[in-house]
Protein backbone atom coordinates (compact mmCIF):
# COMPACT_ATOMS: atom_id res chain seq x y z
CA UNK A 1 8.63 19.43 4.82
CA UNK A 2 8.54 22.87 3.19
CA UNK A 3 8.72 23.13 -0.60
CA UNK A 4 9.37 26.55 -2.10
CA UNK A 5 6.47 27.35 -4.43
CA UNK A 6 7.12 31.05 -5.04
CA UNK A 7 8.96 31.49 -8.31
CA UNK A 8 8.08 27.95 -9.39
CA UNK A 9 4.51 28.60 -10.50
CA UNK A 10 5.38 28.39 -14.20
CA UNK A 11 7.28 25.13 -13.66
CA UNK A 12 4.31 23.68 -11.76
CA UNK A 13 1.93 24.79 -14.52
CA UNK A 14 4.20 23.13 -17.10
CA UNK A 15 4.24 19.94 -15.03
CA UNK A 16 0.47 19.90 -14.75
CA UNK A 17 0.21 20.42 -18.51
CA UNK A 18 2.73 17.63 -19.10
CA UNK A 19 0.75 15.26 -16.88
CA UNK A 20 -2.13 15.50 -19.32
CA UNK A 21 -0.50 16.44 -22.64
CA UNK A 22 2.50 14.49 -23.91
CA UNK A 23 3.05 17.00 -26.76
CA UNK A 24 4.20 19.95 -24.64
CA UNK A 25 7.79 21.11 -25.20
CA UNK A 26 8.21 23.04 -21.96
CA UNK A 27 10.12 20.37 -20.03
CA UNK A 28 13.53 18.97 -20.89
CA UNK A 29 13.71 15.45 -22.31
CA UNK A 30 15.20 14.20 -19.03
CA UNK A 31 12.32 15.78 -17.08
CA UNK A 32 9.84 14.16 -19.46
CA UNK A 33 11.59 10.81 -18.95
CA UNK A 34 11.47 11.22 -15.17
CA UNK A 35 7.81 12.18 -15.33
CA UNK A 36 7.04 9.13 -17.46
CA UNK A 37 8.92 6.92 -14.99
CA UNK A 38 7.02 8.33 -12.04
CA UNK A 39 3.74 7.68 -13.85
CA UNK A 40 4.80 4.07 -14.48
CA UNK A 41 5.42 3.74 -10.73
CA UNK A 42 1.84 5.04 -10.21
CA UNK A 43 3.05 7.99 -8.15
CA UNK A 44 0.15 10.36 -7.46
CA UNK A 45 0.08 13.80 -9.10
CA UNK A 46 0.89 15.79 -5.96
CA UNK A 47 3.90 13.62 -5.19
CA UNK A 48 5.09 13.85 -8.81
CA UNK A 49 5.03 17.63 -8.57
CA UNK A 50 6.99 17.60 -5.31
CA UNK A 51 9.59 15.19 -6.71
CA UNK A 52 9.94 17.21 -9.91
CA UNK A 53 10.34 20.45 -7.95
CA UNK A 54 13.04 18.89 -5.79
CA UNK A 55 14.97 17.54 -8.78
CA UNK A 56 14.82 20.46 -11.24
CA UNK A 57 18.56 20.70 -11.89
CA UNK A 58 19.77 18.49 -14.73
CA UNK A 59 22.12 16.42 -12.55
CA UNK A 60 19.35 15.91 -9.98
CA UNK A 61 16.91 14.75 -12.65
CA UNK A 62 19.52 12.30 -13.97
CA UNK A 63 20.21 10.99 -10.47
CA UNK A 64 16.50 10.45 -9.86
CA UNK A 65 16.12 8.60 -13.17
CA UNK A 66 19.13 6.42 -12.27
CA UNK A 67 17.54 5.63 -8.91
CA UNK A 68 14.24 4.64 -10.51
CA UNK A 69 15.99 2.39 -13.03
CA UNK A 70 17.95 0.60 -10.32
CA UNK A 71 15.06 0.35 -7.83
CA UNK A 72 12.21 -1.15 -9.83
CA UNK A 73 10.17 -1.97 -6.74
CA UNK A 74 10.54 1.40 -5.00
CA UNK A 75 7.43 2.73 -3.28
CA UNK A 76 6.13 6.26 -3.66
CA UNK A 77 7.49 7.05 -0.21
CA UNK A 78 10.94 5.72 -1.13
CA UNK A 79 10.94 7.79 -4.32
CA UNK A 80 9.98 10.91 -2.38
CA UNK A 81 12.66 10.24 0.22
CA UNK A 82 15.31 9.81 -2.48
CA UNK A 83 14.18 13.05 -4.18
CA UNK A 84 14.58 14.87 -0.84
CA UNK A 85 18.09 13.44 -0.48
CA UNK A 86 19.00 14.44 -4.06
CA UNK A 87 17.56 17.94 -3.61
CA UNK A 88 20.16 18.66 -0.91
CA UNK A 89 23.07 18.01 -3.27
CA UNK A 90 24.74 21.11 -4.71
CA UNK A 91 26.89 19.62 -7.45
CA UNK A 92 27.32 16.64 -9.71
CA UNK A 93 28.87 14.33 -7.13
CA UNK A 94 26.82 11.17 -6.77
């Protein structure tokens, strides 16, 4: 799996900051909610960053949050797989 890092350095920095500082305002509320959900699922930091990179668009973030809410027992691997699936979507059709 190849994740595009170039051009996303600032986003990654903001994510790393958010992982340790709940007061940052650099992520949208939906992204903060997704991040909080991934932490609750005990997803490791590297996987969180990959998932967040793959679901940066607002509709993708919302879809990922919906998935987490409806799959309370999802594993880290299942969450990553769903994020990959969502990342391939171009529009709001879910």
